[in-house]
Every structure is written in structure tokens, then in C-alpha cells.
């Protein structure tokens, strides 16, 4: 899910076998998830200037 400039939520529909690329970092008792982002297509640029990178399928 990504929030746009107006703080409205937008969900990402994935096809079977498709994933959002990211990294799970673990240090001591802390875990973080970093999502790889790409420049969006022109039609989705109005929602946000970054988009998660989809891999697979």
C-alpha cells in the first residue's frame, strides 16, 4: 500500500507468482523492511513519485 499526496491509500494488486522486491534487515532486536522502488508510469505518477518494484510472474 502507498499513500498519495493527499494521504489516500492505494493498494497494489499482484498476479499469482508476482512479488514486491524488498530487503529485510535485522540488527540486534530490530527488524526493518526496505522496499525497492522505481519511477512510476506517467499515469500513476499523479499518485506518487515512487512505485514498488514488482518481480516474478
Protein backbone atom coordinates (compact mmCIF):
# COMPACT_ATOMS: atom_id res chain seq x y z
CA UNK A 1 0.00 0.00 0.00
CA UNK A 2 1.20 3.50 -0.79
CA UNK A 3 -0.29 6.82 0.27
CA UNK A 4 -0.63 9.59 -2.28
CA UNK A 5 -0.01 13.30 -1.78
CA UNK A 6 -3.48 13.63 -0.18
CA UNK A 7 -2.75 10.73 2.21
CA UNK A 8 -5.26 8.47 0.40
CA UNK A 9 -4.27 4.79 0.39
CA UNK A 10 -3.58 2.85 -2.81
CA UNK A 11 -3.16 -0.94 -2.78
CA UNK A 12 -1.12 -2.93 -5.30
CA UNK A 13 -2.84 -5.85 -6.99
CA UNK A 14 -0.36 -8.64 -7.67
CA UNK A 15 -0.77 -11.52 -10.06
CA UNK A 16 -0.03 -15.05 -8.88
CA UNK A 17 3.75 -15.52 -8.67
CA UNK A 18 4.40 -11.78 -8.52
CA UNK A 19 6.17 -10.16 -5.55
CA UNK A 20 7.20 -6.73 -4.29
CA UNK A 21 11.00 -6.65 -4.17
CA UNK A 22 12.49 -5.68 -0.84
CA UNK A 23 15.06 -6.35 1.83
CA UNK A 24 14.58 -7.42 5.43
CA UNK A 25 17.35 -6.03 7.63
CA UNK A 26 17.86 -7.44 11.12
CA UNK A 27 20.12 -5.79 13.71
CA UNK A 28 20.00 -6.85 17.37
CA UNK A 29 16.29 -6.87 18.28
CA UNK A 30 15.25 -4.57 15.46
CA UNK A 31 13.90 -5.59 12.05
CA UNK A 32 13.23 -3.28 9.11
CA UNK A 33 11.78 -3.84 5.66
CA UNK A 34 13.07 -1.74 2.77
CA UNK A 35 11.02 -1.78 -0.42
CA UNK A 36 12.82 -1.34 -3.76
CA UNK A 37 11.14 1.45 -5.70
CA UNK A 38 11.16 2.56 -9.34
CA UNK A 39 9.94 5.59 -11.29
CA UNK A 40 6.21 5.15 -11.94
CA UNK A 41 4.45 5.10 -15.28
CA UNK A 42 3.12 8.53 -16.34
CA UNK A 43 -0.50 7.66 -15.42
CA UNK A 44 0.42 6.62 -11.87
CA UNK A 45 2.85 9.47 -11.27
CA UNK A 46 -0.08 11.55 -10.03
CA UNK A 47 -0.45 9.12 -7.11
CA UNK A 48 3.20 9.14 -6.03
CA UNK A 49 6.68 9.73 -7.44
CA UNK A 50 7.83 6.23 -6.45
CA UNK A 51 6.37 2.81 -7.04
CA UNK A 52 7.35 -0.61 -5.65
CA UNK A 53 9.38 -2.81 -7.99
CA UNK A 54 7.38 -5.92 -8.90
CA UNK A 55 9.26 -9.11 -9.75
CA UNK A 56 8.29 -12.62 -10.81
CA UNK A 57 5.42 -13.83 -12.99
